[in-house]
N, C-alpha and C. Protein backbone atom coordinates (compact mmCIF):
# COMPACT_ATOMS: atom_id res chain seq x y z
N MET A 1 46.75 -11.61 0.45
CA MET A 1 45.57 -12.24 -0.16
C MET A 1 44.48 -11.18 -0.34
N ALA A 2 43.93 -11.14 -1.53
CA ALA A 2 42.88 -10.16 -1.81
C ALA A 2 41.62 -10.48 -1.03
N ALA A 3 40.94 -9.44 -0.59
CA ALA A 3 39.69 -9.64 0.15
C ALA A 3 38.63 -10.23 -0.77
N ARG A 4 37.82 -11.11 -0.22
CA ARG A 4 36.73 -11.69 -0.99
C ARG A 4 35.64 -10.64 -1.21
N PRO A 5 35.01 -10.67 -2.38
CA PRO A 5 33.92 -9.72 -2.63
C PRO A 5 32.82 -9.86 -1.58
N ARG A 6 32.23 -8.74 -1.22
CA ARG A 6 31.16 -8.76 -0.23
C ARG A 6 29.96 -9.53 -0.77
N GLN A 7 29.41 -10.40 0.07
CA GLN A 7 28.23 -11.17 -0.31
C GLN A 7 26.97 -10.47 0.19
N VAL A 8 26.03 -10.26 -0.69
CA VAL A 8 24.77 -9.64 -0.29
C VAL A 8 23.63 -10.52 -0.78
N SER A 9 22.55 -10.54 -0.03
CA SER A 9 21.39 -11.35 -0.40
C SER A 9 20.54 -10.59 -1.41
N ASP A 10 19.69 -11.34 -2.12
CA ASP A 10 18.74 -10.69 -3.02
C ASP A 10 17.85 -9.72 -2.26
N GLU A 11 17.46 -10.12 -1.05
CA GLU A 11 16.57 -9.28 -0.24
C GLU A 11 17.24 -7.94 0.08
N GLU A 12 18.54 -7.96 0.40
CA GLU A 12 19.25 -6.73 0.70
C GLU A 12 19.37 -5.85 -0.54
N ILE A 13 19.65 -6.48 -1.68
CA ILE A 13 19.73 -5.73 -2.93
C ILE A 13 18.41 -5.05 -3.24
N LEU A 14 17.32 -5.79 -3.11
CA LEU A 14 16.00 -5.23 -3.42
C LEU A 14 15.63 -4.12 -2.46
N LYS A 15 15.99 -4.26 -1.20
CA LYS A 15 15.70 -3.21 -0.20
C LYS A 15 16.45 -1.93 -0.54
N VAL A 16 17.73 -2.04 -0.82
CA VAL A 16 18.53 -0.85 -1.14
C VAL A 16 18.08 -0.25 -2.47
N ALA A 17 17.78 -1.10 -3.45
CA ALA A 17 17.30 -0.60 -4.74
C ALA A 17 16.00 0.17 -4.57
N ALA A 18 15.07 -0.37 -3.78
CA ALA A 18 13.80 0.32 -3.55
C ALA A 18 14.04 1.67 -2.91
N ASP A 19 14.93 1.74 -1.93
CA ASP A 19 15.24 3.02 -1.27
C ASP A 19 15.80 4.02 -2.28
N CYS A 20 16.65 3.54 -3.18
CA CYS A 20 17.26 4.43 -4.18
C CYS A 20 16.23 4.92 -5.19
N PHE A 21 15.38 4.03 -5.66
CA PHE A 21 14.34 4.44 -6.60
C PHE A 21 13.39 5.44 -5.96
N LEU A 22 13.03 5.21 -4.70
CA LEU A 22 12.11 6.11 -4.02
C LEU A 22 12.76 7.47 -3.76
N ALA A 23 14.04 7.48 -3.49
CA ALA A 23 14.73 8.73 -3.18
C ALA A 23 15.04 9.55 -4.43
N HIS A 24 15.37 8.85 -5.53
CA HIS A 24 15.87 9.54 -6.72
C HIS A 24 15.00 9.37 -7.97
N GLY A 25 13.97 8.53 -7.89
CA GLY A 25 13.11 8.32 -9.05
C GLY A 25 13.62 7.21 -9.95
N PRO A 26 12.86 6.90 -10.99
CA PRO A 26 13.20 5.77 -11.87
C PRO A 26 14.49 5.99 -12.66
N GLY A 27 14.97 7.24 -12.75
CA GLY A 27 16.18 7.51 -13.51
C GLY A 27 17.47 7.27 -12.74
N VAL A 28 17.37 6.84 -11.47
CA VAL A 28 18.58 6.63 -10.69
C VAL A 28 19.47 5.60 -11.38
N SER A 29 20.77 5.86 -11.36
CA SER A 29 21.72 4.96 -12.03
C SER A 29 21.92 3.69 -11.20
N THR A 30 22.10 2.58 -11.90
CA THR A 30 22.43 1.34 -11.19
C THR A 30 23.81 1.43 -10.55
N THR A 31 24.64 2.35 -11.01
CA THR A 31 25.93 2.58 -10.36
C THR A 31 25.73 3.08 -8.94
N VAL A 32 24.75 3.96 -8.76
CA VAL A 32 24.43 4.48 -7.42
C VAL A 32 23.95 3.35 -6.52
N ILE A 33 23.10 2.48 -7.05
CA ILE A 33 22.59 1.36 -6.26
C ILE A 33 23.73 0.42 -5.88
N ALA A 34 24.59 0.12 -6.84
CA ALA A 34 25.72 -0.78 -6.56
C ALA A 34 26.65 -0.18 -5.50
N GLU A 35 26.89 1.12 -5.60
CA GLU A 35 27.75 1.78 -4.61
C GLU A 35 27.15 1.72 -3.22
N GLN A 36 25.83 1.88 -3.13
CA GLN A 36 25.17 1.79 -1.82
C GLN A 36 25.33 0.39 -1.22
N LEU A 37 25.42 -0.60 -2.08
CA LEU A 37 25.57 -1.99 -1.63
C LEU A 37 27.03 -2.38 -1.47
N ASN A 38 27.93 -1.50 -1.90
CA ASN A 38 29.37 -1.77 -1.87
C ASN A 38 29.73 -2.98 -2.72
N ILE A 39 29.08 -3.08 -3.89
CA ILE A 39 29.41 -4.11 -4.86
C ILE A 39 29.58 -3.44 -6.21
N SER A 40 30.09 -4.18 -7.18
CA SER A 40 30.29 -3.61 -8.51
C SER A 40 29.00 -3.65 -9.31
N GLN A 41 28.90 -2.78 -10.31
CA GLN A 41 27.73 -2.79 -11.19
C GLN A 41 27.61 -4.12 -11.93
N PRO A 42 28.72 -4.70 -12.47
CA PRO A 42 28.61 -6.02 -13.10
C PRO A 42 28.09 -7.08 -12.15
N ALA A 43 28.50 -7.01 -10.88
CA ALA A 43 28.01 -7.99 -9.90
C ALA A 43 26.51 -7.83 -9.70
N LEU A 44 26.03 -6.57 -9.74
CA LEU A 44 24.60 -6.33 -9.60
C LEU A 44 23.83 -6.95 -10.76
N PHE A 45 24.36 -6.79 -11.98
CA PHE A 45 23.66 -7.31 -13.16
C PHE A 45 23.78 -8.82 -13.29
N LYS A 46 24.68 -9.45 -12.56
CA LYS A 46 24.72 -10.91 -12.53
C LYS A 46 23.51 -11.45 -11.77
N ARG A 47 23.01 -10.65 -10.83
CA ARG A 47 21.87 -11.08 -10.01
C ARG A 47 20.54 -10.67 -10.65
N PHE A 48 20.53 -9.49 -11.27
CA PHE A 48 19.33 -8.98 -11.92
C PHE A 48 19.76 -8.50 -13.30
N ASN A 49 19.24 -9.14 -14.32
CA ASN A 49 19.77 -8.95 -15.68
C ASN A 49 19.65 -7.54 -16.22
N THR A 50 18.59 -6.84 -15.84
CA THR A 50 18.36 -5.49 -16.35
C THR A 50 17.92 -4.56 -15.22
N LYS A 51 18.07 -3.28 -15.46
CA LYS A 51 17.60 -2.29 -14.49
C LYS A 51 16.09 -2.39 -14.33
N GLU A 52 15.37 -2.64 -15.42
CA GLU A 52 13.92 -2.77 -15.36
C GLU A 52 13.52 -3.93 -14.45
N GLU A 53 14.19 -5.06 -14.60
CA GLU A 53 13.88 -6.22 -13.77
C GLU A 53 14.15 -5.91 -12.30
N LEU A 54 15.26 -5.23 -12.03
CA LEU A 54 15.59 -4.86 -10.66
C LEU A 54 14.52 -3.94 -10.09
N MET A 55 14.09 -2.96 -10.85
CA MET A 55 13.08 -2.01 -10.38
C MET A 55 11.75 -2.70 -10.09
N LEU A 56 11.31 -3.55 -11.01
CA LEU A 56 10.03 -4.22 -10.83
C LEU A 56 10.06 -5.17 -9.64
N ARG A 57 11.16 -5.88 -9.49
CA ARG A 57 11.27 -6.79 -8.34
C ARG A 57 11.31 -6.01 -7.03
N ALA A 58 11.94 -4.82 -7.06
CA ALA A 58 12.10 -4.04 -5.84
C ALA A 58 10.83 -3.31 -5.44
N LEU A 59 10.03 -2.90 -6.42
CA LEU A 59 8.92 -1.98 -6.12
C LEU A 59 7.52 -2.60 -6.23
N LEU A 60 7.33 -3.57 -7.09
CA LEU A 60 5.98 -4.11 -7.27
C LEU A 60 5.58 -4.97 -6.07
N PRO A 61 4.32 -4.88 -5.65
CA PRO A 61 3.85 -5.68 -4.51
C PRO A 61 3.65 -7.14 -4.91
N PRO A 62 3.60 -8.04 -3.93
CA PRO A 62 3.30 -9.44 -4.24
C PRO A 62 1.87 -9.59 -4.75
N GLU A 63 1.61 -10.68 -5.44
CA GLU A 63 0.28 -10.87 -6.02
C GLU A 63 -0.80 -10.93 -4.94
N ARG A 64 -0.48 -11.50 -3.80
CA ARG A 64 -1.43 -11.58 -2.71
C ARG A 64 -0.85 -10.86 -1.49
N PRO A 65 -1.18 -9.58 -1.31
CA PRO A 65 -0.69 -8.86 -0.14
C PRO A 65 -1.14 -9.54 1.15
N ARG A 66 -0.32 -9.40 2.18
CA ARG A 66 -0.61 -10.08 3.44
C ARG A 66 -1.95 -9.67 4.05
N ILE A 67 -2.37 -8.44 3.79
CA ILE A 67 -3.63 -7.97 4.37
C ILE A 67 -4.81 -8.80 3.86
N ALA A 68 -4.68 -9.41 2.68
CA ALA A 68 -5.78 -10.22 2.14
C ALA A 68 -6.07 -11.41 3.05
N ASP A 69 -5.03 -12.02 3.60
CA ASP A 69 -5.23 -13.14 4.51
C ASP A 69 -5.90 -12.67 5.80
N TRP A 70 -5.52 -11.50 6.26
CA TRP A 70 -6.12 -10.94 7.48
C TRP A 70 -7.61 -10.67 7.24
N LEU A 71 -7.92 -10.11 6.09
CA LEU A 71 -9.31 -9.82 5.74
C LEU A 71 -10.13 -11.10 5.63
N ASP A 72 -9.57 -12.11 5.01
CA ASP A 72 -10.30 -13.36 4.81
C ASP A 72 -10.61 -14.06 6.12
N GLY A 73 -9.90 -13.70 7.19
CA GLY A 73 -10.15 -14.32 8.49
C GLY A 73 -11.16 -13.59 9.34
N GLY A 74 -11.78 -12.55 8.84
CA GLY A 74 -12.69 -11.76 9.66
C GLY A 74 -13.98 -11.43 8.95
N PRO A 75 -14.82 -10.67 9.64
CA PRO A 75 -14.60 -10.08 10.97
C PRO A 75 -14.92 -11.07 12.08
N SER A 76 -14.47 -10.74 13.29
CA SER A 76 -14.83 -11.54 14.45
C SER A 76 -16.23 -11.13 14.90
N ASP A 77 -16.76 -11.85 15.86
CA ASP A 77 -18.11 -11.54 16.36
C ASP A 77 -18.11 -10.45 17.42
N GLY A 78 -16.93 -9.92 17.75
CA GLY A 78 -16.83 -8.89 18.77
C GLY A 78 -17.29 -7.54 18.26
N PRO A 79 -17.14 -6.49 19.07
CA PRO A 79 -17.54 -5.14 18.66
C PRO A 79 -16.89 -4.75 17.33
N ILE A 80 -17.67 -4.15 16.46
CA ILE A 80 -17.18 -3.89 15.11
C ILE A 80 -16.37 -2.60 15.01
N ARG A 81 -16.67 -1.61 15.86
CA ARG A 81 -15.97 -0.33 15.71
C ARG A 81 -14.45 -0.47 15.88
N PRO A 82 -13.97 -1.19 16.90
CA PRO A 82 -12.51 -1.38 17.00
C PRO A 82 -11.95 -2.14 15.79
N GLN A 83 -12.75 -3.02 15.20
CA GLN A 83 -12.29 -3.73 14.01
C GLN A 83 -12.19 -2.80 12.81
N LEU A 84 -13.12 -1.85 12.69
CA LEU A 84 -13.02 -0.85 11.64
C LEU A 84 -11.75 -0.02 11.79
N ALA A 85 -11.43 0.34 13.02
CA ALA A 85 -10.24 1.14 13.27
C ALA A 85 -8.97 0.35 12.93
N ALA A 86 -8.93 -0.91 13.36
CA ALA A 86 -7.75 -1.74 13.10
C ALA A 86 -7.57 -1.98 11.61
N LEU A 87 -8.68 -2.22 10.91
CA LEU A 87 -8.62 -2.49 9.48
C LEU A 87 -8.21 -1.24 8.70
N THR A 88 -8.73 -0.09 9.09
CA THR A 88 -8.34 1.15 8.42
C THR A 88 -6.84 1.39 8.57
N GLU A 89 -6.31 1.13 9.76
CA GLU A 89 -4.88 1.33 9.99
C GLU A 89 -4.05 0.36 9.14
N LYS A 90 -4.48 -0.90 9.09
CA LYS A 90 -3.74 -1.89 8.28
C LYS A 90 -3.78 -1.53 6.80
N MET A 91 -4.92 -1.08 6.32
CA MET A 91 -5.02 -0.72 4.91
C MET A 91 -4.19 0.52 4.62
N TRP A 92 -4.16 1.47 5.56
CA TRP A 92 -3.35 2.66 5.36
C TRP A 92 -1.86 2.28 5.27
N GLN A 93 -1.42 1.38 6.12
CA GLN A 93 -0.03 0.94 6.07
C GLN A 93 0.29 0.34 4.71
N MET A 94 -0.63 -0.48 4.17
CA MET A 94 -0.42 -1.08 2.86
C MET A 94 -0.41 -0.02 1.76
N VAL A 95 -1.41 0.87 1.79
CA VAL A 95 -1.55 1.86 0.73
C VAL A 95 -0.40 2.87 0.74
N SER A 96 -0.04 3.37 1.91
CA SER A 96 1.03 4.37 2.00
C SER A 96 2.38 3.78 1.62
N PHE A 97 2.52 2.48 1.78
CA PHE A 97 3.74 1.79 1.36
C PHE A 97 3.75 1.56 -0.14
N THR A 98 2.59 1.22 -0.70
CA THR A 98 2.51 0.80 -2.09
C THR A 98 2.43 1.96 -3.08
N VAL A 99 1.65 2.99 -2.76
CA VAL A 99 1.40 4.08 -3.72
C VAL A 99 2.68 4.73 -4.24
N PRO A 100 3.65 5.10 -3.39
CA PRO A 100 4.87 5.70 -3.95
C PRO A 100 5.62 4.74 -4.88
N ARG A 101 5.60 3.46 -4.55
CA ARG A 101 6.31 2.47 -5.37
C ARG A 101 5.65 2.30 -6.73
N ILE A 102 4.33 2.22 -6.76
CA ILE A 102 3.62 2.10 -8.02
C ILE A 102 3.79 3.38 -8.85
N SER A 103 3.82 4.52 -8.18
CA SER A 103 4.01 5.78 -8.88
C SER A 103 5.36 5.83 -9.58
N ILE A 104 6.40 5.32 -8.94
CA ILE A 104 7.73 5.27 -9.55
C ILE A 104 7.72 4.36 -10.77
N VAL A 105 7.08 3.21 -10.65
CA VAL A 105 7.01 2.27 -11.78
C VAL A 105 6.27 2.92 -12.94
N ASN A 106 5.15 3.57 -12.66
CA ASN A 106 4.38 4.23 -13.73
C ASN A 106 5.21 5.33 -14.40
N ALA A 107 5.95 6.08 -13.58
CA ALA A 107 6.76 7.18 -14.13
C ALA A 107 7.92 6.67 -14.96
N SER A 108 8.31 5.42 -14.76
CA SER A 108 9.46 4.86 -15.49
C SER A 108 9.15 4.59 -16.95
N GLY A 109 7.85 4.51 -17.28
CA GLY A 109 7.46 4.23 -18.66
C GLY A 109 7.43 2.75 -19.01
N VAL A 110 7.56 1.88 -18.03
CA VAL A 110 7.45 0.45 -18.31
C VAL A 110 6.04 0.17 -18.82
N PRO A 111 5.89 -0.49 -19.97
CA PRO A 111 4.54 -0.76 -20.50
C PRO A 111 3.69 -1.56 -19.53
N HIS A 112 2.41 -1.23 -19.48
CA HIS A 112 1.51 -1.94 -18.57
C HIS A 112 1.44 -3.43 -18.91
N GLU A 113 1.63 -3.76 -20.17
CA GLU A 113 1.60 -5.17 -20.55
C GLU A 113 2.71 -5.96 -19.87
N VAL A 114 3.85 -5.31 -19.68
CA VAL A 114 4.97 -5.97 -19.00
C VAL A 114 4.59 -6.26 -17.55
N ILE A 115 3.94 -5.29 -16.92
CA ILE A 115 3.53 -5.47 -15.53
C ILE A 115 2.43 -6.53 -15.42
N LYS A 116 1.48 -6.49 -16.34
CA LYS A 116 0.36 -7.43 -16.30
C LYS A 116 0.85 -8.88 -16.39
N LYS A 117 1.89 -9.11 -17.15
CA LYS A 117 2.40 -10.47 -17.32
C LYS A 117 3.00 -11.04 -16.04
N ARG A 118 3.28 -10.19 -15.07
CA ARG A 118 3.87 -10.65 -13.82
C ARG A 118 2.82 -11.17 -12.84
N TYR A 119 1.55 -10.93 -13.16
CA TYR A 119 0.47 -11.31 -12.24
C TYR A 119 -0.60 -12.11 -12.96
N ARG A 120 -1.18 -13.04 -12.22
CA ARG A 120 -2.43 -13.66 -12.68
C ARG A 120 -3.59 -12.75 -12.34
N ARG A 121 -3.53 -12.14 -11.14
CA ARG A 121 -4.51 -11.14 -10.72
C ARG A 121 -3.76 -10.00 -10.06
N PHE A 122 -4.17 -8.77 -10.36
CA PHE A 122 -3.49 -7.62 -9.78
C PHE A 122 -3.69 -7.60 -8.27
N PRO A 123 -2.64 -7.24 -7.51
CA PRO A 123 -2.73 -7.22 -6.05
C PRO A 123 -3.88 -6.36 -5.53
N LEU A 124 -4.09 -5.18 -6.12
CA LEU A 124 -5.14 -4.30 -5.63
C LEU A 124 -6.52 -4.93 -5.81
N ILE A 125 -6.72 -5.66 -6.90
CA ILE A 125 -8.00 -6.33 -7.11
C ILE A 125 -8.20 -7.40 -6.05
N VAL A 126 -7.13 -8.12 -5.71
CA VAL A 126 -7.21 -9.13 -4.66
C VAL A 126 -7.64 -8.50 -3.34
N VAL A 127 -7.04 -7.34 -3.01
CA VAL A 127 -7.37 -6.67 -1.75
C VAL A 127 -8.80 -6.14 -1.77
N ILE A 128 -9.23 -5.54 -2.88
CA ILE A 128 -10.60 -5.01 -2.99
C ILE A 128 -11.61 -6.13 -2.79
N GLU A 129 -11.40 -7.26 -3.44
CA GLU A 129 -12.33 -8.38 -3.31
C GLU A 129 -12.34 -8.92 -1.89
N SER A 130 -11.17 -9.00 -1.26
CA SER A 130 -11.11 -9.49 0.12
C SER A 130 -11.80 -8.52 1.08
N LEU A 131 -11.63 -7.22 0.85
CA LEU A 131 -12.29 -6.23 1.70
C LEU A 131 -13.80 -6.28 1.50
N ALA A 132 -14.24 -6.42 0.26
CA ALA A 132 -15.68 -6.54 0.00
C ALA A 132 -16.25 -7.76 0.70
N GLY A 133 -15.50 -8.87 0.68
CA GLY A 133 -15.95 -10.07 1.39
C GLY A 133 -16.04 -9.85 2.87
N TRP A 134 -15.08 -9.12 3.44
CA TRP A 134 -15.09 -8.81 4.87
C TRP A 134 -16.34 -7.99 5.21
N ILE A 135 -16.62 -6.97 4.40
CA ILE A 135 -17.79 -6.11 4.65
C ILE A 135 -19.07 -6.92 4.53
N GLU A 136 -19.17 -7.75 3.51
CA GLU A 136 -20.39 -8.54 3.31
C GLU A 136 -20.62 -9.49 4.47
N ARG A 137 -19.57 -10.11 4.98
CA ARG A 137 -19.73 -11.00 6.13
C ARG A 137 -20.15 -10.22 7.37
N ALA A 138 -19.62 -8.99 7.52
CA ALA A 138 -20.02 -8.15 8.65
C ALA A 138 -21.49 -7.76 8.54
N GLN A 139 -21.95 -7.51 7.32
CA GLN A 139 -23.37 -7.19 7.12
C GLN A 139 -24.26 -8.38 7.44
N LYS A 140 -23.86 -9.57 7.02
CA LYS A 140 -24.66 -10.76 7.28
C LYS A 140 -24.72 -11.09 8.77
N LYS A 141 -23.67 -10.72 9.50
CA LYS A 141 -23.65 -10.94 10.94
C LYS A 141 -24.36 -9.82 11.70
N HIS A 142 -24.91 -8.84 10.95
CA HIS A 142 -25.55 -7.67 11.54
C HIS A 142 -24.58 -6.85 12.39
N LEU A 143 -23.31 -6.86 11.98
CA LEU A 143 -22.31 -6.00 12.61
C LEU A 143 -22.25 -4.65 11.90
N LEU A 144 -22.62 -4.63 10.62
CA LEU A 144 -22.70 -3.41 9.83
C LEU A 144 -24.04 -3.36 9.14
N MET A 145 -24.53 -2.14 8.89
CA MET A 145 -25.79 -1.99 8.18
C MET A 145 -25.59 -2.30 6.70
N LYS A 146 -26.64 -2.79 6.07
CA LYS A 146 -26.62 -3.04 4.63
C LYS A 146 -27.00 -1.77 3.89
N SER A 147 -26.18 -0.73 4.10
CA SER A 147 -26.50 0.58 3.54
C SER A 147 -25.81 0.82 2.20
N GLY A 148 -25.22 -0.21 1.64
CA GLY A 148 -24.58 -0.08 0.35
C GLY A 148 -24.00 -1.42 -0.08
N HIS A 149 -23.78 -1.58 -1.37
CA HIS A 149 -23.19 -2.80 -1.87
C HIS A 149 -21.77 -2.93 -1.32
N ALA A 150 -21.42 -4.11 -0.87
CA ALA A 150 -20.13 -4.33 -0.22
C ALA A 150 -18.97 -3.91 -1.12
N LEU A 151 -19.07 -4.19 -2.40
CA LEU A 151 -17.98 -3.85 -3.30
C LEU A 151 -17.83 -2.33 -3.44
N ASN A 152 -18.95 -1.61 -3.53
CA ASN A 152 -18.88 -0.15 -3.60
C ASN A 152 -18.28 0.44 -2.33
N LEU A 153 -18.66 -0.12 -1.19
CA LEU A 153 -18.11 0.34 0.08
C LEU A 153 -16.60 0.08 0.13
N ALA A 154 -16.18 -1.07 -0.36
CA ALA A 154 -14.75 -1.40 -0.38
C ALA A 154 -13.98 -0.43 -1.27
N LEU A 155 -14.54 -0.13 -2.43
CA LEU A 155 -13.89 0.81 -3.35
C LEU A 155 -13.78 2.20 -2.74
N ALA A 156 -14.85 2.64 -2.06
CA ALA A 156 -14.83 3.95 -1.43
C ALA A 156 -13.80 4.01 -0.30
N TRP A 157 -13.74 2.95 0.48
CA TRP A 157 -12.84 2.86 1.63
C TRP A 157 -11.38 2.94 1.16
N ILE A 158 -11.03 2.08 0.22
CA ILE A 158 -9.65 2.05 -0.29
C ILE A 158 -9.34 3.32 -1.08
N GLY A 159 -10.31 3.80 -1.86
CA GLY A 159 -10.07 4.99 -2.67
C GLY A 159 -9.73 6.20 -1.82
N THR A 160 -10.40 6.35 -0.69
CA THR A 160 -10.11 7.47 0.20
C THR A 160 -8.68 7.41 0.72
N LEU A 161 -8.24 6.23 1.09
CA LEU A 161 -6.88 6.06 1.59
C LEU A 161 -5.85 6.28 0.49
N GLN A 162 -6.13 5.75 -0.69
CA GLN A 162 -5.21 5.92 -1.81
C GLN A 162 -5.08 7.40 -2.20
N GLY A 163 -6.20 8.11 -2.16
CA GLY A 163 -6.16 9.52 -2.51
C GLY A 163 -5.24 10.30 -1.58
N ARG A 164 -5.33 10.03 -0.31
CA ARG A 164 -4.46 10.73 0.65
C ARG A 164 -3.00 10.35 0.44
N ALA A 165 -2.75 9.06 0.22
CA ALA A 165 -1.37 8.60 0.01
C ALA A 165 -0.77 9.24 -1.23
N LEU A 166 -1.56 9.35 -2.30
CA LEU A 166 -1.06 9.94 -3.53
C LEU A 166 -0.79 11.43 -3.35
N LEU A 167 -1.72 12.13 -2.69
CA LEU A 167 -1.52 13.56 -2.45
C LEU A 167 -0.26 13.80 -1.62
N ARG A 168 -0.08 12.98 -0.60
CA ARG A 168 1.09 13.19 0.26
C ARG A 168 2.38 12.88 -0.50
N TYR A 169 2.33 11.90 -1.39
CA TYR A 169 3.52 11.57 -2.18
C TYR A 169 3.84 12.68 -3.17
N VAL A 170 2.82 13.14 -3.89
CA VAL A 170 3.04 14.15 -4.92
C VAL A 170 3.41 15.50 -4.32
N LEU A 171 2.77 15.86 -3.21
CA LEU A 171 2.95 17.19 -2.64
C LEU A 171 3.86 17.22 -1.42
N SER A 172 4.55 16.12 -1.16
CA SER A 172 5.33 16.00 0.07
C SER A 172 6.33 17.13 0.24
N ASP A 173 7.10 17.42 -0.80
CA ASP A 173 8.12 18.48 -0.68
C ASP A 173 7.49 19.84 -0.44
N VAL A 174 6.37 20.11 -1.13
CA VAL A 174 5.70 21.40 -0.97
C VAL A 174 5.11 21.53 0.43
N ILE A 175 4.41 20.46 0.86
CA ILE A 175 3.75 20.51 2.16
C ILE A 175 4.77 20.61 3.28
N SER A 176 5.93 19.97 3.11
CA SER A 176 6.96 20.00 4.15
C SER A 176 7.44 21.41 4.43
N GLU A 177 7.33 22.28 3.43
CA GLU A 177 7.77 23.67 3.59
C GLU A 177 6.66 24.56 4.16
N GLU A 178 5.45 24.01 4.24
CA GLU A 178 4.32 24.78 4.78
C GLU A 178 4.40 24.84 6.30
N GLU A 179 3.71 25.80 6.84
CA GLU A 179 3.55 25.91 8.28
C GLU A 179 2.06 25.93 8.60
N GLY A 180 1.69 25.33 9.72
CA GLY A 180 0.31 25.43 10.16
C GLY A 180 -0.49 24.16 9.95
N VAL A 181 -1.81 24.36 9.78
CA VAL A 181 -2.77 23.26 9.83
C VAL A 181 -2.57 22.25 8.70
N LEU A 182 -2.33 22.73 7.48
CA LEU A 182 -2.21 21.80 6.35
C LEU A 182 -1.10 20.80 6.57
N LYS A 183 0.07 21.26 6.93
CA LYS A 183 1.20 20.36 7.17
C LYS A 183 0.91 19.43 8.34
N ASP A 184 0.39 19.97 9.43
CA ASP A 184 0.10 19.15 10.60
C ASP A 184 -0.91 18.07 10.28
N THR A 185 -1.92 18.42 9.49
CA THR A 185 -2.98 17.47 9.16
C THR A 185 -2.49 16.40 8.19
N MET A 186 -1.75 16.79 7.16
CA MET A 186 -1.33 15.85 6.14
C MET A 186 -0.38 14.79 6.69
N PHE A 187 0.35 15.11 7.74
CA PHE A 187 1.31 14.17 8.29
C PHE A 187 0.88 13.58 9.63
N ASN A 188 -0.38 13.83 10.00
CA ASN A 188 -0.89 13.25 11.25
C ASN A 188 -1.76 12.04 10.91
N ASP A 189 -1.13 10.88 10.86
CA ASP A 189 -1.86 9.68 10.47
C ASP A 189 -2.88 9.26 11.51
N ASP A 190 -2.57 9.43 12.78
CA ASP A 190 -3.49 8.98 13.84
C ASP A 190 -4.83 9.72 13.74
N ASP A 191 -4.79 11.03 13.56
CA ASP A 191 -6.03 11.80 13.45
C ASP A 191 -6.79 11.41 12.19
N TYR A 192 -6.07 11.16 11.11
CA TYR A 192 -6.73 10.78 9.86
C TYR A 192 -7.42 9.43 10.00
N MET A 193 -6.75 8.46 10.61
CA MET A 193 -7.37 7.14 10.82
C MET A 193 -8.61 7.26 11.70
N ALA A 194 -8.52 8.09 12.72
CA ALA A 194 -9.67 8.28 13.61
C ALA A 194 -10.84 8.91 12.85
N THR A 195 -10.54 9.85 11.96
CA THR A 195 -11.58 10.50 11.16
C THR A 195 -12.26 9.51 10.23
N ILE A 196 -11.47 8.69 9.54
CA ILE A 196 -12.04 7.69 8.62
C ILE A 196 -12.87 6.68 9.38
N THR A 197 -12.38 6.23 10.52
CA THR A 197 -13.14 5.27 11.33
C THR A 197 -14.47 5.86 11.76
N GLU A 198 -14.47 7.14 12.17
CA GLU A 198 -15.71 7.79 12.60
C GLU A 198 -16.69 7.91 11.43
N LEU A 199 -16.19 8.27 10.26
CA LEU A 199 -17.05 8.37 9.07
C LEU A 199 -17.66 7.02 8.73
N LEU A 200 -16.85 5.97 8.78
CA LEU A 200 -17.35 4.63 8.49
C LEU A 200 -18.42 4.24 9.51
N TRP A 201 -18.14 4.50 10.77
CA TRP A 201 -19.07 4.12 11.83
C TRP A 201 -20.41 4.84 11.67
N ARG A 202 -20.36 6.13 11.36
CA ARG A 202 -21.58 6.90 11.20
C ARG A 202 -22.33 6.51 9.93
N SER A 203 -21.63 5.99 8.93
CA SER A 203 -22.26 5.63 7.65
C SER A 203 -22.84 4.23 7.65
N ILE A 204 -22.10 3.27 8.20
CA ILE A 204 -22.54 1.87 8.08
C ILE A 204 -22.56 1.13 9.41
N GLY A 205 -22.20 1.81 10.49
CA GLY A 205 -22.27 1.17 11.80
C GLY A 205 -23.65 1.36 12.42
N TYR A 206 -23.95 0.56 13.43
CA TYR A 206 -25.22 0.68 14.12
C TYR A 206 -25.08 1.71 15.24
N THR A 207 -25.59 2.90 14.99
CA THR A 207 -25.57 3.94 16.00
C THR A 207 -26.86 3.85 16.81
N SER A 208 -26.99 4.75 17.75
CA SER A 208 -28.20 4.72 18.60
C SER A 208 -29.45 5.03 17.79
N GLU A 209 -29.28 5.68 16.61
CA GLU A 209 -30.46 6.01 15.80
C GLU A 209 -30.79 4.95 14.77
N SER A 210 -29.95 3.93 14.65
CA SER A 210 -30.16 2.93 13.60
C SER A 210 -30.59 1.60 14.19
N GLU A 211 -31.26 0.82 13.38
CA GLU A 211 -31.72 -0.51 13.77
C GLU A 211 -31.10 -1.54 12.86
N PRO A 212 -30.76 -2.72 13.38
CA PRO A 212 -30.18 -3.76 12.52
C PRO A 212 -31.10 -4.11 11.37
N ASP A 213 -30.48 -4.39 10.21
CA ASP A 213 -31.25 -4.83 9.05
C ASP A 213 -31.71 -6.24 9.24
N GLU A 214 -32.87 -6.54 8.78
CA GLU A 214 -33.39 -7.91 8.84
C GLU A 214 -33.17 -8.61 7.53
């Protein structure tokens, strides 16, 4: 009796496809993806009609990233500095995960109109608005100084993280061959998060030299 074809879930297909796209770029053959899954290429296309559909499903983020729910639930009334640190780490996890995936999609040449049709609101806009809301609530609670418009602060916060994620993605191979401070710094996430938290605290936190806004 012939062996039954291996059954794989959509989630497993998307995970393996994402790994292949990230490792080999948008030009990776669907034959390679099918082989990694130990299924046939026709079986792959029965689940996902086109390579483009497979790529977009595998790489594009959901319309409402999970961090948006976390942001909408805060801040708490406790000390704000640990919350800044926790939030910076969560946003870095989201950004460092998303930036390489979006870069692959952009490099594939898929028209932006195709991507826009998949969303009512872009995920990054959802996160920016949620972060701005978090900052504004922290300002109203006198946990942070009103030293800037909440939306501008949110854009600066996310932009800094995105910039590092993009640099590390683009220059990863080059930096990996370097020796010394540049390589150590670019791949030391803990030190980077601590630096960003310190900058945020000194800019908008209540230090010993600052007084709460009325």
